[in-house]
Amino acid sequence: MAEEALGITCEVIDLRTLYPYDFDIIKRSVLKTGRALISHEAPITSGLGSELSSRIQEECFLSLEAPIKRICGYDTPFPHIHEPLYYPDRFKIFEGIKETIKY
């Protein structure tokens, strides 16, 4: 429904392994869409998203139409009772998508 209402289409890449990761498929997607949104549950600093973001920047810079967006956990310890607030969810990701589209 959101796609129809906003006219947005997305490619989702679910990396099966963290190391080695399939950068070729990521690169093809960035070259095709001009955008990258990276999401993972670890803190934003020093997470795998930082490495992916750096590599995308190095190899796809001229094809990017918006800054690389990362939706990750916060850089702070958190009590388990607040996990729903800490982790990325569909709402945070959807807001990130809209942000990169509007850039």
N, C-alpha and C. Protein backbone atom coordinates (compact mmCIF):
# COMPACT_ATOMS: atom_id res chain seq x y z
N MET A 1 0.81 -1.19 0.00
CA MET A 1 0.00 0.00 0.00
C MET A 1 0.85 1.25 0.00
N ALA A 2 1.90 1.27 0.82
CA ALA A 2 2.76 2.46 0.89
C ALA A 2 3.40 2.72 -0.46
N GLU A 3 3.78 1.64 -1.17
CA GLU A 3 4.40 1.81 -2.48
C GLU A 3 3.44 2.51 -3.43
N GLU A 4 2.21 2.08 -3.44
CA GLU A 4 1.22 2.68 -4.33
C GLU A 4 0.93 4.12 -3.95
N ALA A 5 0.81 4.39 -2.67
CA ALA A 5 0.46 5.73 -2.22
C ALA A 5 1.59 6.72 -2.46
N LEU A 6 2.83 6.31 -2.32
CA LEU A 6 3.97 7.22 -2.46
C LEU A 6 4.75 7.04 -3.75
N GLY A 7 4.47 5.99 -4.49
CA GLY A 7 5.19 5.75 -5.73
C GLY A 7 6.64 5.33 -5.49
N ILE A 8 6.91 4.65 -4.41
CA ILE A 8 8.27 4.23 -4.05
C ILE A 8 8.41 2.73 -4.27
N THR A 9 9.50 2.34 -4.90
CA THR A 9 9.85 0.92 -4.97
C THR A 9 11.23 0.76 -4.34
N CYS A 10 11.46 -0.38 -3.74
CA CYS A 10 12.71 -0.63 -3.03
C CYS A 10 13.28 -1.98 -3.41
N GLU A 11 14.58 -2.08 -3.33
CA GLU A 11 15.25 -3.36 -3.40
C GLU A 11 15.75 -3.68 -2.01
N VAL A 12 15.50 -4.88 -1.55
CA VAL A 12 15.96 -5.32 -0.23
C VAL A 12 17.01 -6.40 -0.43
N ILE A 13 18.17 -6.20 0.17
CA ILE A 13 19.24 -7.18 0.11
C ILE A 13 19.47 -7.69 1.53
N ASP A 14 19.28 -8.96 1.73
CA ASP A 14 19.50 -9.59 3.03
C ASP A 14 20.80 -10.37 2.93
N LEU A 15 21.87 -9.83 3.50
CA LEU A 15 23.16 -10.51 3.44
C LEU A 15 23.09 -11.81 4.23
N ARG A 16 23.44 -12.90 3.60
CA ARG A 16 23.38 -14.21 4.26
C ARG A 16 24.59 -14.43 5.18
N THR A 17 25.70 -13.81 4.82
CA THR A 17 26.89 -13.90 5.67
C THR A 17 27.46 -12.50 5.85
N LEU A 18 28.08 -12.27 6.98
CA LEU A 18 28.69 -10.97 7.24
C LEU A 18 30.09 -10.88 6.64
N TYR A 19 30.83 -11.98 6.71
CA TYR A 19 32.16 -12.04 6.11
C TYR A 19 32.34 -13.41 5.51
N PRO A 20 32.61 -13.57 4.26
CA PRO A 20 32.62 -12.50 3.28
C PRO A 20 31.19 -12.11 2.90
N TYR A 21 30.99 -10.87 2.57
CA TYR A 21 29.67 -10.44 2.12
C TYR A 21 29.71 -10.22 0.60
N ASP A 22 28.56 -10.32 -0.01
CA ASP A 22 28.44 -10.23 -1.47
C ASP A 22 28.32 -8.76 -1.87
N PHE A 23 29.46 -8.10 -2.06
CA PHE A 23 29.42 -6.68 -2.39
C PHE A 23 28.93 -6.44 -3.82
N ASP A 24 29.11 -7.39 -4.70
CA ASP A 24 28.68 -7.20 -6.09
C ASP A 24 27.18 -6.92 -6.17
N ILE A 25 26.38 -7.63 -5.40
CA ILE A 25 24.93 -7.41 -5.45
C ILE A 25 24.57 -6.05 -4.85
N ILE A 26 25.30 -5.65 -3.81
CA ILE A 26 25.07 -4.33 -3.21
C ILE A 26 25.42 -3.24 -4.22
N LYS A 27 26.56 -3.40 -4.86
CA LYS A 27 27.01 -2.40 -5.85
C LYS A 27 26.02 -2.28 -7.00
N ARG A 28 25.55 -3.41 -7.51
CA ARG A 28 24.57 -3.37 -8.61
C ARG A 28 23.31 -2.60 -8.20
N SER A 29 22.85 -2.83 -6.97
CA SER A 29 21.66 -2.17 -6.48
C SER A 29 21.87 -0.66 -6.34
N VAL A 30 23.01 -0.27 -5.79
CA VAL A 30 23.31 1.17 -5.63
C VAL A 30 23.44 1.84 -6.98
N LEU A 31 24.11 1.19 -7.93
CA LEU A 31 24.24 1.77 -9.26
C LEU A 31 22.88 1.91 -9.94
N LYS A 32 21.98 0.98 -9.67
CA LYS A 32 20.64 1.01 -10.27
C LYS A 32 19.75 2.07 -9.63
N THR A 33 19.77 2.14 -8.29
CA THR A 33 18.83 3.01 -7.57
C THR A 33 19.40 4.38 -7.22
N GLY A 34 20.72 4.47 -7.10
CA GLY A 34 21.35 5.73 -6.71
C GLY A 34 21.26 6.00 -5.21
N ARG A 35 20.84 5.02 -4.45
CA ARG A 35 20.65 5.21 -3.01
C ARG A 35 21.03 3.95 -2.25
N ALA A 36 21.34 4.15 -0.95
CA ALA A 36 21.62 3.01 -0.08
C ALA A 36 21.13 3.33 1.32
N LEU A 37 20.39 2.41 1.90
CA LEU A 37 19.96 2.48 3.29
C LEU A 37 20.42 1.18 3.93
N ILE A 38 21.19 1.29 4.99
CA ILE A 38 21.75 0.13 5.66
C ILE A 38 21.12 0.03 7.04
N SER A 39 20.66 -1.15 7.40
CA SER A 39 20.04 -1.34 8.70
C SER A 39 20.58 -2.59 9.37
N HIS A 40 20.91 -2.46 10.65
CA HIS A 40 21.28 -3.60 11.47
C HIS A 40 21.01 -3.26 12.92
N GLU A 41 21.01 -4.29 13.77
CA GLU A 41 20.64 -4.09 15.17
C GLU A 41 21.79 -3.61 16.05
N ALA A 42 23.01 -3.77 15.61
CA ALA A 42 24.16 -3.34 16.41
C ALA A 42 24.21 -1.81 16.48
N PRO A 43 24.99 -1.28 17.42
CA PRO A 43 25.12 0.18 17.48
C PRO A 43 25.61 0.75 16.15
N ILE A 44 25.26 1.99 15.88
CA ILE A 44 25.61 2.61 14.60
C ILE A 44 27.13 2.76 14.45
N THR A 45 27.84 3.05 15.53
CA THR A 45 29.29 3.24 15.48
C THR A 45 30.00 1.89 15.47
N SER A 46 30.89 1.73 14.52
CA SER A 46 31.74 0.54 14.40
C SER A 46 30.98 -0.74 14.07
N GLY A 47 29.78 -0.63 13.55
CA GLY A 47 29.03 -1.80 13.13
C GLY A 47 29.35 -2.16 11.69
N LEU A 48 28.79 -3.24 11.22
CA LEU A 48 29.01 -3.65 9.84
C LEU A 48 28.50 -2.58 8.86
N GLY A 49 27.47 -1.85 9.27
CA GLY A 49 26.95 -0.78 8.42
C GLY A 49 27.99 0.28 8.11
N SER A 50 28.90 0.53 9.04
CA SER A 50 29.98 1.50 8.81
C SER A 50 30.89 1.01 7.69
N GLU A 51 31.22 -0.27 7.74
CA GLU A 51 32.08 -0.85 6.71
C GLU A 51 31.39 -0.83 5.34
N LEU A 52 30.13 -1.24 5.32
CA LEU A 52 29.40 -1.24 4.05
C LEU A 52 29.26 0.18 3.51
N SER A 53 28.96 1.11 4.38
CA SER A 53 28.82 2.51 3.97
C SER A 53 30.12 3.03 3.37
N SER A 54 31.22 2.72 4.00
CA SER A 54 32.52 3.15 3.51
C SER A 54 32.82 2.57 2.13
N ARG A 55 32.54 1.30 1.98
CA ARG A 55 32.82 0.65 0.69
C ARG A 55 31.91 1.17 -0.41
N ILE A 56 30.65 1.40 -0.09
CA ILE A 56 29.72 1.98 -1.07
C ILE A 56 30.21 3.36 -1.48
N GLN A 57 30.64 4.14 -0.51
CA GLN A 57 31.14 5.49 -0.79
C GLN A 57 32.36 5.44 -1.70
N GLU A 58 33.27 4.49 -1.44
CA GLU A 58 34.48 4.36 -2.24
C GLU A 58 34.20 3.92 -3.67
N GLU A 59 33.27 3.00 -3.84
CA GLU A 59 33.09 2.38 -5.15
C GLU A 59 31.90 2.90 -5.95
N CYS A 60 30.98 3.61 -5.29
CA CYS A 60 29.75 4.02 -5.99
C CYS A 60 29.47 5.52 -5.85
N PHE A 61 30.43 6.30 -5.39
CA PHE A 61 30.20 7.70 -5.06
C PHE A 61 29.51 8.48 -6.19
N LEU A 62 29.99 8.33 -7.39
CA LEU A 62 29.46 9.12 -8.51
C LEU A 62 28.05 8.71 -8.91
N SER A 63 27.59 7.57 -8.44
CA SER A 63 26.24 7.11 -8.76
C SER A 63 25.22 7.45 -7.67
N LEU A 64 25.69 7.91 -6.51
CA LEU A 64 24.78 8.19 -5.40
C LEU A 64 23.99 9.48 -5.65
N GLU A 65 22.69 9.42 -5.42
CA GLU A 65 21.82 10.58 -5.55
C GLU A 65 21.42 11.15 -4.20
N ALA A 66 21.81 10.46 -3.13
CA ALA A 66 21.51 10.89 -1.76
C ALA A 66 22.59 10.31 -0.86
N PRO A 67 22.80 10.92 0.31
CA PRO A 67 23.76 10.35 1.25
C PRO A 67 23.33 8.94 1.68
N ILE A 68 24.30 8.12 2.00
CA ILE A 68 24.02 6.78 2.50
C ILE A 68 23.38 6.92 3.87
N LYS A 69 22.28 6.24 4.09
CA LYS A 69 21.53 6.33 5.34
C LYS A 69 21.73 5.04 6.13
N ARG A 70 21.99 5.18 7.44
CA ARG A 70 22.10 4.01 8.31
C ARG A 70 21.02 4.08 9.38
N ILE A 71 20.25 3.01 9.51
CA ILE A 71 19.23 2.86 10.55
C ILE A 71 19.72 1.70 11.41
N CYS A 72 20.22 2.01 12.59
CA CYS A 72 20.86 1.00 13.43
C CYS A 72 20.46 1.21 14.88
N GLY A 73 21.05 0.40 15.75
CA GLY A 73 20.86 0.60 17.18
C GLY A 73 21.57 1.87 17.63
N TYR A 74 21.27 2.31 18.83
CA TYR A 74 21.88 3.53 19.36
C TYR A 74 23.22 3.21 20.00
N ASP A 75 24.06 4.21 20.11
CA ASP A 75 25.37 4.07 20.72
C ASP A 75 25.28 4.23 22.24
N THR A 76 24.50 3.42 22.86
CA THR A 76 24.33 3.50 24.31
C THR A 76 23.88 2.15 24.85
N PRO A 77 24.27 1.83 26.07
CA PRO A 77 23.71 0.61 26.67
C PRO A 77 22.21 0.81 26.89
N PHE A 78 21.47 -0.26 26.88
CA PHE A 78 20.02 -0.14 27.05
C PHE A 78 19.50 -1.30 27.87
N PRO A 79 18.49 -1.05 28.67
CA PRO A 79 17.87 -2.16 29.41
C PRO A 79 17.00 -2.98 28.46
N HIS A 80 16.95 -4.26 28.67
CA HIS A 80 16.21 -5.15 27.77
C HIS A 80 14.72 -4.79 27.67
N ILE A 81 14.19 -4.16 28.68
CA ILE A 81 12.78 -3.79 28.63
C ILE A 81 12.51 -2.75 27.53
N HIS A 82 13.57 -2.02 27.14
CA HIS A 82 13.42 -0.97 26.13
C HIS A 82 13.89 -1.40 24.73
N GLU A 83 14.07 -2.70 24.51
CA GLU A 83 14.51 -3.17 23.20
C GLU A 83 13.67 -2.65 22.04
N PRO A 84 12.36 -2.60 22.17
CA PRO A 84 11.57 -2.09 21.03
C PRO A 84 11.92 -0.65 20.64
N LEU A 85 12.40 0.14 21.57
CA LEU A 85 12.80 1.51 21.26
C LEU A 85 14.20 1.57 20.68
N TYR A 86 15.02 0.61 21.04
CA TYR A 86 16.44 0.60 20.65
C TYR A 86 16.64 0.12 19.21
N TYR A 87 16.01 -0.98 18.88
CA TYR A 87 16.27 -1.62 17.59
C TYR A 87 15.58 -0.89 16.44
N PRO A 88 16.17 -1.01 15.25
CA PRO A 88 15.48 -0.48 14.06
C PRO A 88 14.19 -1.26 13.85
N ASP A 89 13.16 -0.60 13.41
CA ASP A 89 11.91 -1.27 13.10
C ASP A 89 11.38 -0.75 11.76
N ARG A 90 10.26 -1.26 11.34
CA ARG A 90 9.72 -0.89 10.02
C ARG A 90 9.40 0.60 9.95
N PHE A 91 9.04 1.20 11.06
CA PHE A 91 8.71 2.62 11.05
C PHE A 91 9.96 3.48 10.86
N LYS A 92 11.03 3.15 11.57
CA LYS A 92 12.29 3.89 11.42
C LYS A 92 12.86 3.70 10.01
N ILE A 93 12.76 2.49 9.49
CA ILE A 93 13.27 2.22 8.15
C ILE A 93 12.44 2.97 7.11
N PHE A 94 11.13 2.97 7.27
CA PHE A 94 10.26 3.67 6.32
C PHE A 94 10.56 5.18 6.32
N GLU A 95 10.79 5.76 7.50
CA GLU A 95 11.15 7.17 7.58
C GLU A 95 12.50 7.42 6.89
N GLY A 96 13.45 6.50 7.06
CA GLY A 96 14.73 6.62 6.38
C GLY A 96 14.61 6.54 4.88
N ILE A 97 13.74 5.67 4.40
CA ILE A 97 13.50 5.57 2.96
C ILE A 97 12.94 6.89 2.43
N LYS A 98 11.94 7.42 3.11
CA LYS A 98 11.35 8.68 2.66
C LYS A 98 12.38 9.81 2.67
N GLU A 99 13.25 9.81 3.66
CA GLU A 99 14.30 10.83 3.77
C GLU A 99 15.25 10.78 2.57
N THR A 100 15.68 9.57 2.18
CA THR A 100 16.60 9.47 1.07
C THR A 100 15.92 9.78 -0.26
N ILE A 101 14.64 9.48 -0.37
CA ILE A 101 13.92 9.79 -1.61
C ILE A 101 13.76 11.30 -1.78
N LYS A 102 13.50 12.01 -0.69
CA LYS A 102 13.27 13.45 -0.75
C LYS A 102 14.56 14.25 -0.92
N TYR A 103 15.72 13.63 -0.72
CA TYR A 103 16.98 14.38 -0.75
C TYR A 103 17.21 15.03 -2.10
